[in-house]
Protein backbone atom coordinates (compact mmCIF):
# COMPACT_ATOMS: atom_id res chain seq x y z
CA MET A 1 113.12 129.19 194.20
CA GLU A 2 109.70 130.02 192.41
CA ASN A 3 108.81 126.90 190.21
CA LYS A 4 107.95 128.52 187.14
CA SER A 5 105.83 125.46 185.94
CA ASP A 6 103.48 126.62 188.72
CA ASN A 7 102.97 129.89 187.47
CA PRO A 8 99.32 130.13 186.32
CA THR A 9 100.23 133.35 184.28
CA MET A 10 102.46 130.98 182.18
CA LEU A 11 100.05 128.66 181.38
CA LYS A 12 97.26 131.09 180.07
CA TYR A 13 99.72 131.85 177.35
CA LYS A 14 98.05 130.59 174.19
CA TYR A 15 100.30 130.89 170.46
CA THR A 16 98.13 132.55 167.40
CA PRO A 17 99.36 131.03 164.40
CA THR A 18 100.05 134.04 161.91
CA ALA A 19 99.64 133.98 157.80
CA GLU A 20 102.89 133.82 157.40
CA PHE A 21 103.61 130.56 159.70
CA TYR A 22 100.95 128.73 157.34
CA SER A 23 102.91 129.99 154.61
CA GLN A 24 106.13 128.60 155.72
CA ILE A 25 104.33 125.56 156.09
CA ILE A 26 102.69 125.46 152.95
CA ASP A 27 106.54 126.30 151.32
CA SER A 28 108.16 123.05 153.41
CA LEU A 29 106.08 120.77 151.47
CA GLN A 30 108.38 120.59 148.62
CA ASP A 31 106.97 117.50 147.17
CA TYR A 32 103.26 119.19 146.78
CA SER A 33 102.44 121.74 144.43
CA ILE A 34 99.93 124.34 146.13
CA PHE A 35 98.38 127.28 144.73
CA THR A 36 95.01 129.62 144.77
CA LEU A 37 93.17 130.65 142.06
CA ASP A 38 91.01 133.62 141.94
CA THR A 39 87.33 134.06 141.06
CA ALA A 40 88.37 133.95 137.37
CA PHE A 41 90.41 131.58 137.36
CA ASN A 42 94.35 133.27 137.35
CA ILE A 43 96.77 132.14 139.54
CA ASN A 44 97.07 134.57 142.65
CA SER A 45 99.78 132.47 144.74
CA TRP A 46 102.45 129.67 144.42
CA SER A 47 104.23 127.86 146.67
CA SER A 48 107.98 126.98 146.14
CA GLY A 49 106.94 123.55 145.60
CA SER A 50 104.79 124.35 142.64
CA THR A 51 107.75 126.31 141.86
CA LYS A 52 110.02 122.90 141.98
CA ILE A 53 107.58 120.31 140.27
CA PHE A 54 106.51 123.22 137.81
CA GLY A 55 109.57 125.04 136.62
CA TYR A 56 107.48 128.54 136.93
CA GLU A 57 108.85 131.40 139.38
CA THR A 58 106.04 133.10 141.29
CA ASP A 59 106.50 136.05 138.93
CA GLU A 60 106.24 134.43 136.05
CA VAL A 61 103.08 132.67 136.97
CA ILE A 62 101.13 134.97 138.90
CA GLY A 63 98.03 136.29 137.01
CA GLN A 64 98.61 133.55 134.41
CA PRO A 65 95.44 131.43 133.75
CA PHE A 66 94.71 127.97 134.94
CA ASP A 67 95.21 126.18 132.05
CA ILE A 68 99.10 127.00 131.65
CA ILE A 69 99.39 123.44 133.66
CA PHE A 70 97.30 121.30 131.20
CA THR A 71 98.14 119.57 127.97
CA GLU A 72 96.85 120.52 124.56
CA GLU A 73 94.88 117.07 125.07
CA ASP A 74 92.84 117.89 128.12
CA LEU A 75 92.55 121.67 127.13
CA ASN A 76 90.45 120.68 123.68
CA ILE A 77 88.31 118.45 125.80
CA GLY A 78 87.63 120.98 128.44
CA ILE A 79 89.03 118.90 131.43
CA HIS A 80 89.93 122.15 133.35
CA LYS A 81 86.55 123.45 133.10
CA LYS A 82 84.78 120.21 134.07
CA GLU A 83 87.47 120.08 136.98
CA ILE A 84 86.20 123.64 138.65
CA GLU A 85 82.31 122.39 137.60
CA THR A 86 83.04 119.51 140.01
CA ALA A 87 84.53 121.06 142.59
CA LEU A 88 81.86 123.80 142.75
CA LYS A 89 79.14 121.00 142.26
CA GLU A 90 80.45 118.69 145.15
CA GLY A 91 83.06 120.87 147.46
CA ARG A 92 86.25 119.27 145.40
CA ALA A 93 87.34 117.29 142.45
CA THR A 94 89.89 114.90 142.25
CA ASP A 95 91.94 113.95 139.32
CA ASN A 96 94.98 112.12 138.24
CA ARG A 97 96.39 113.08 135.09
CA TRP A 98 99.47 114.23 133.28
CA HIS A 99 100.15 117.84 133.73
CA ILE A 100 102.61 119.67 131.28
CA GLY A 101 105.55 122.23 133.04
CA LYS A 102 107.18 125.27 131.90
CA ASP A 103 109.62 123.15 129.56
CA LYS A 104 107.11 121.53 128.20
CA SER A 105 107.93 118.37 129.73
CA LEU A 106 105.41 116.26 131.04
CA PHE A 107 104.57 114.37 134.80
CA PHE A 108 101.95 112.60 136.05
CA ALA A 109 100.08 113.91 138.99
CA TYR A 110 97.75 113.18 141.81
CA GLY A 111 95.51 116.68 142.49
CA VAL A 112 92.46 118.18 144.50
CA VAL A 113 90.57 121.31 143.97
CA PHE A 114 88.50 122.85 146.44
CA PRO A 115 86.49 126.38 146.41
CA LEU A 116 88.03 129.08 148.50
CA ILE A 117 85.12 130.17 150.94
CA GLY A 118 85.33 133.55 153.06
CA ALA A 119 84.03 133.97 156.60
CA GLU A 120 80.73 135.90 155.43
CA GLY A 121 80.50 132.72 152.62
CA GLU A 122 81.81 134.77 150.07
CA MET A 123 83.76 132.89 147.38
CA LEU A 124 87.14 133.87 147.26
CA GLY A 125 88.54 131.46 144.45
CA PHE A 126 89.54 128.19 144.78
CA VAL A 127 92.83 126.27 145.77
CA LYS A 128 94.90 123.23 144.21
CA ILE A 129 97.08 121.11 145.71
CA LEU A 130 98.60 118.24 143.69
CA ARG A 131 101.65 115.89 143.67
CA ASP A 132 104.24 114.47 141.32
CA LEU A 133 103.82 110.83 140.75
CA THR A 134 105.46 110.13 137.67
CA GLU A 135 107.80 107.89 139.18
CA ARG A 136 104.97 105.68 140.35
CA LYS A 137 103.39 106.20 137.04
CA LYS A 138 106.05 104.99 134.91
CA SER A 139 106.92 102.09 137.12
CA GLU A 140 103.02 100.76 136.91
CA GLU A 141 103.25 101.65 133.12
CA THR A 142 106.54 99.70 133.40
CA ILE A 143 104.86 96.53 134.78
CA LYS A 144 101.57 96.71 132.23
CA LYS A 145 104.29 96.64 129.71
CA TYR A 146 106.29 93.70 130.47
CA ILE A 147 102.80 92.05 131.01
CA LYS A 148 101.73 93.13 127.34
CA GLU A 149 105.36 92.20 126.12
CA LEU A 150 105.20 88.77 127.89
CA GLU A 151 101.40 88.08 126.25
CA GLU A 152 102.63 88.98 122.73
CA LEU A 153 106.03 86.77 122.99
CA ASN A 154 103.36 83.89 123.88
CA THR A 155 101.23 84.93 121.08
CA HIS A 156 104.59 85.11 119.24
CA LYS A 157 105.76 81.62 120.14
CA ASP A 158 102.11 80.09 119.60
CA SER A 159 102.32 81.47 115.92
CA VAL A 160 105.89 80.53 114.80
CA LEU A 161 105.09 77.22 116.20
CA ALA A 162 101.99 76.86 113.72
CA ILE A 163 104.07 78.08 110.98
CA LEU A 164 106.76 75.65 111.95
CA SER A 165 104.24 72.87 112.10
CA HIS A 166 102.16 73.83 109.04
CA ASP A 167 103.49 76.30 106.74
CA LEU A 168 107.32 74.79 106.71
CA ARG A 169 106.22 71.39 106.68
CA SER A 170 103.95 71.69 103.36
CA PRO A 171 106.23 72.82 101.37
CA LEU A 172 108.65 70.20 102.52
CA SER A 173 106.51 67.41 102.28
CA THR A 174 105.97 68.35 98.52
CA ILE A 175 109.34 68.33 97.75
CA LEU A 176 110.36 65.13 99.32
CA GLY A 177 107.53 63.50 98.00
CA THR A 178 107.98 65.20 94.23
CA THR A 179 111.82 63.78 94.67
CA ASP A 180 110.93 60.51 96.18
CA TYR A 181 108.87 59.75 92.69
CA LEU A 182 111.60 61.01 90.49
CA LYS A 183 114.32 58.76 92.14
CA GLU A 184 111.43 56.26 91.59
CA TYR A 185 110.24 56.52 88.32
CA HIS A 186 112.63 59.15 86.73
CA ARG A 187 113.85 56.87 83.76
CA SER A 188 110.36 55.67 82.61
CA MET A 189 109.41 59.60 82.63
CA ALA A 190 108.71 61.77 79.88
CA HIS A 191 110.44 64.78 79.65
CA ASP A 192 107.41 67.31 80.20
CA GLU A 193 106.59 65.21 83.02
CA ILE A 194 109.95 65.50 84.89
CA GLN A 195 110.01 69.62 84.14
CA GLU A 196 106.25 69.38 85.57
CA MET A 197 108.03 67.80 88.69
CA LEU A 198 111.00 69.96 89.20
CA ASP A 199 108.72 73.19 88.35
CA ILE A 200 107.01 72.15 91.58
CA ILE A 201 110.36 71.45 93.81
CA HIS A 202 111.58 74.45 92.44
CA ASN A 203 108.68 76.93 93.36
CA ALA A 204 108.04 74.71 96.69
CA SER A 205 111.57 75.36 97.37
CA LYS A 206 111.41 79.54 96.69
CA ASP A 207 108.15 79.46 98.69
CA GLU A 208 109.93 77.68 101.82
CA LEU A 209 112.68 80.23 101.23
CA ASN A 210 110.10 83.23 101.32
CA MET A 211 108.93 82.07 104.80
CA LEU A 212 112.06 81.76 106.37
CA ASP A 213 113.27 85.22 105.13
CA TYR A 214 109.71 86.36 107.04
CA LEU A 215 110.53 84.17 110.14
CA LEU A 216 114.33 85.85 110.51
CA GLU A 217 112.85 89.42 109.66
CA TRP A 218 110.04 88.71 112.34
CA ALA A 219 112.52 87.49 114.58
CA ARG A 220 114.59 90.63 114.41
CA ILE A 221 111.60 92.45 115.67
CA LYS A 222 111.58 90.87 118.58
CA TYR A 223 115.09 89.81 119.68
CA ALA A 224 117.84 92.27 117.50
CA SER A 225 116.89 95.35 119.18
CA GLY A 226 120.85 95.76 118.91
CA VAL A 227 120.86 96.27 115.51
CA PHE A 228 118.29 99.05 115.13
CA SER A 229 119.68 102.31 114.53
CA PRO A 230 116.98 105.13 113.93
CA THR A 231 118.30 108.55 111.79
CA LYS A 232 116.84 111.49 110.14
CA LEU A 233 116.36 110.10 106.70
CA LYS A 234 114.09 111.57 103.24
CA LEU A 235 111.29 109.43 102.43
CA THR A 236 111.56 109.37 98.67
CA PRO A 237 114.94 107.88 98.06
CA TYR A 238 113.29 105.01 99.82
CA ILE A 239 110.31 105.02 97.96
CA THR A 240 111.64 105.39 94.32
CA LYS A 241 113.95 102.04 95.10
CA VAL A 242 110.67 100.05 96.38
CA ILE A 243 109.07 101.25 93.32
CA GLU A 244 112.15 100.39 90.94
CA SER A 245 112.65 96.87 92.55
CA PHE A 246 108.56 96.26 91.77
CA LYS A 247 108.21 97.73 88.37
CA GLY A 248 108.78 94.20 86.55
CA THR A 249 105.90 92.65 88.02
CA ALA A 250 103.77 95.31 87.97
CA SER A 251 104.21 96.28 84.48
CA LYS A 252 103.33 92.02 83.50
CA ASN A 253 99.91 93.25 84.99
CA THR A 254 99.66 96.80 83.71
CA ILE A 255 99.72 98.43 86.84
CA ASN A 256 100.58 102.18 87.41
CA PHE A 257 102.71 103.69 89.99
CA HIS A 258 102.11 107.11 91.25
CA GLN A 259 104.43 108.46 93.80
CA GLU A 260 103.07 112.02 95.39
CA VAL A 261 105.68 112.60 98.06
CA GLU A 262 107.40 115.64 98.51
CA GLU A 263 111.35 115.32 97.62
CA GLU A 264 112.24 117.47 101.52
CA THR A 265 109.94 115.04 103.48
CA THR A 266 111.81 113.58 106.19
CA VAL A 267 111.09 110.92 108.97
CA PHE A 268 113.22 109.67 111.99
CA ALA A 269 113.33 106.00 111.13
CA ASP A 270 115.81 102.86 110.72
CA ASP A 271 116.52 102.48 107.17
CA LYS A 272 116.60 99.30 106.76
CA MET A 273 113.27 98.78 108.55
CA LEU A 274 111.87 101.64 106.86
CA ILE A 275 112.58 99.74 103.27
CA SER A 276 111.04 96.35 104.59
CA ILE A 277 107.96 98.83 105.07
CA PHE A 278 107.67 99.99 101.80
CA GLN A 279 108.40 96.86 100.14
CA ASN A 280 105.76 94.68 102.37
CA ILE A 281 103.01 97.37 101.65
CA VAL A 282 103.39 97.73 98.18
CA SER A 283 103.91 94.28 97.38
CA ASN A 284 100.66 93.50 99.04
CA ALA A 285 99.21 96.73 97.02
CA ILE A 286 100.66 94.84 93.93
CA LYS A 287 99.65 91.40 94.60
CA HIS A 288 95.71 92.35 95.01
CA SER A 289 95.45 94.71 92.53
CA LYS A 290 93.80 94.26 88.95
CA LYS A 291 95.02 94.67 85.61
CA GLY A 292 95.21 98.30 84.78
CA GLY A 293 95.29 99.51 88.63
CA THR A 294 96.74 102.09 89.94
CA ILE A 295 99.36 102.51 93.47
CA THR A 296 99.62 105.81 94.86
CA VAL A 297 101.82 106.39 97.34
CA SER A 298 101.49 110.06 99.41
CA ALA A 299 102.46 111.48 102.52
CA LYS A 300 101.45 114.76 104.61
CA ARG A 301 102.72 116.09 108.06
CA LYS A 302 100.75 115.79 111.26
CA ASP A 303 101.78 117.52 114.19
CA ASP A 304 105.50 115.55 115.15
CA LYS A 305 104.29 112.65 112.51
CA ILE A 306 104.36 112.25 108.78
CA VAL A 307 101.33 109.91 107.44
CA VAL A 308 102.51 107.96 104.68
CA GLU A 309 99.14 106.70 102.77
CA VAL A 310 99.72 103.55 100.11
CA LYS A 311 96.64 103.61 98.12
CA ASP A 312 95.76 100.72 95.55
CA THR A 313 92.69 100.37 93.30
CA GLY A 314 92.28 96.46 93.89
CA ALA A 315 90.12 93.89 95.39
CA GLY A 316 89.31 95.45 98.88
CA MET A 317 88.49 93.75 102.15
CA THR A 318 85.84 93.06 103.83
CA LYS A 319 85.06 94.42 107.51
CA GLU A 320 85.98 90.77 109.06
CA ILE A 321 89.51 90.60 107.14
CA LEU A 322 90.55 93.95 108.19
CA LYS A 323 89.66 93.57 111.89
CA ASN A 324 91.85 89.94 111.81
CA LEU A 325 94.68 92.05 109.33
CA PHE A 326 97.01 92.77 112.28
CA THR A 327 96.36 90.26 114.58
CA PRO A 328 95.98 87.22 113.40
CA LYS A 329 95.31 83.79 115.31
CA MET A 330 97.21 80.21 113.84
CA LYS A 331 94.66 78.99 112.17
CA THR A 332 94.31 82.55 110.13
CA LEU A 333 98.13 83.04 109.89
CA SER A 334 98.28 80.18 107.42
CA GLU A 335 94.95 80.80 106.14
CA ALA A 336 96.18 84.39 105.42
CA ARG A 337 99.73 83.11 103.67
CA LYS A 338 97.82 80.65 101.09
CA LYS A 339 94.89 83.02 100.44
CA ASN A 340 97.04 86.45 100.71
CA LYS A 341 99.95 85.22 99.47
CA GLY A 342 101.91 86.08 102.38
CA ALA A 343 100.48 89.29 103.35
CA GLY A 344 99.39 87.62 106.78
CA ILE A 345 103.30 87.92 108.20
CA GLY A 346 104.39 90.37 105.88
CA LEU A 347 101.60 92.88 107.64
CA LEU A 348 102.79 91.43 110.98
CA LEU A 349 106.43 92.66 110.49
CA VAL A 350 105.23 96.19 109.08
CA LYS A 351 103.29 96.34 112.22
CA GLY A 352 106.35 95.80 114.49
CA PHE A 353 108.86 97.49 112.72
CA LEU A 354 106.45 101.11 113.04
CA GLU A 355 106.15 100.04 116.64
CA LYS A 356 109.69 99.68 116.91
CA ASN A 357 110.39 103.26 115.41
CA GLY A 358 107.29 104.92 117.84
CA GLY A 359 104.48 104.57 114.56
CA GLU A 360 101.80 103.07 113.86
CA ILE A 361 99.30 101.62 110.97
CA TRP A 362 95.72 101.20 109.80
CA VAL A 363 94.00 100.43 106.71
CA GLU A 364 90.82 101.69 105.28
CA SER A 365 89.06 99.56 102.61
CA ILE A 366 85.77 98.81 100.51
CA LYS A 367 85.33 95.43 98.81
CA GLY A 368 85.85 95.69 95.22
CA GLU A 369 87.14 99.06 94.94
CA GLY A 370 90.46 99.39 96.80
CA SER A 371 92.57 99.44 99.72
CA SER A 372 94.55 102.84 101.87
CA PHE A 373 97.54 101.12 104.16
CA TYR A 374 98.02 104.55 106.39
CA PHE A 375 101.14 104.54 108.78
CA THR A 376 103.21 107.25 110.77
CA LEU A 377 106.31 107.72 111.30
CA PRO A 378 107.59 110.58 113.72
CA THR A 379 109.85 113.71 112.30
CA GLU A 380 112.65 113.86 114.89
CA ASN A 381 113.62 111.50 117.58
CA PHE A 382 110.49 110.15 119.33
CA ASN A 383 112.98 108.95 122.48
CA LYS A 384 113.73 112.80 122.59
CA MET A 385 109.99 114.07 122.60
CA GLY A 386 109.27 112.33 125.85
CA SER A 387 109.16 108.60 127.81
CA GLU A 388 107.41 105.95 126.04
CA ASP A 389 104.35 106.11 128.90
CA GLU A 390 103.77 109.56 127.64
CA ILE A 391 103.88 109.58 124.30
CA LEU A 392 100.84 106.28 124.81
CA VAL A 393 98.94 108.54 126.78
CA LYS A 394 98.99 111.35 124.45
CA LYS A 395 98.03 108.70 121.67
CA GLN A 396 95.10 107.91 124.37
CA SER A 397 94.24 110.97 124.85
CA ALA A 398 93.88 112.33 121.56
């Protein structure tokens, strides 16, 4: 019998892959999006991996512009154009960035785009290949987040120790010193002197209690996450409640309140934290306002957030104070409490509450003219608008 392996005609056979064969290979790569663009940068081929990653079916995306896969932030700074320019100049362009799918969800991908050149050297278009690396990105961001939290907890610990060693000890020392003096000399002291001593003890005790309240609230941010319960809230009742609570204090210094927030303005936040945010910022404004001054609370919508402004016509702040306003060190924390009547710790409290609710805070101030405290709060549940990592990237891109 003839051995077929010895047949020279069989050895000469050579398989030539067809376009369909290559297409099948490309479609088998489900973890990769592979598609091509024409010279006008419109999509003209789309792999099944692209459908899996982006959500668009082939007939939905053919003929669509290249920019549909980019976020609004990247489109505003022309990332899609820069990618093509780099590919033409250097032969390829690589990137690591967030892209947007059909359902508007974000995912993080590593991608490369390169020109598609014909046999005669003519420009046919471009090929884009990318891989979804969202889970890896989230892992990296989680590690960074944990490191940041550890650093913050260490700073928090140092700050608390500073308060315990100085701010809480000082009033106690005053109370103990004054009561010791009263115990020894009260029989020979005049009534006015005794009254003066009692006033000192009373004021020091109030100071101590206020500081303990600050510490308890601060600890609540860091450790009592279980009590966090955000819901959709109307802003005006909370603003009105805080203004009413401070009317007595404000009237003594003839400070006027202006409330300019529309009644239907809503935010998504924890109600107890919201009250605390307004109480601290308004209280701070009153303490630094001049007699006859004005405090104005206003709000406007920006994208999916409400921007609240609390403006005063008070003393204002220097650039140096502004720089360290929300990140006081151990020494400056005690100094801020003495000079600014507790503002240092109160503003740390506000910053923590706002971050917990998906917001942020910043200040504009002119020395001698007054300050404007701005803070944002989401209008919807920010955890449903995307992961914390995605929100962070959006902020960094804006």
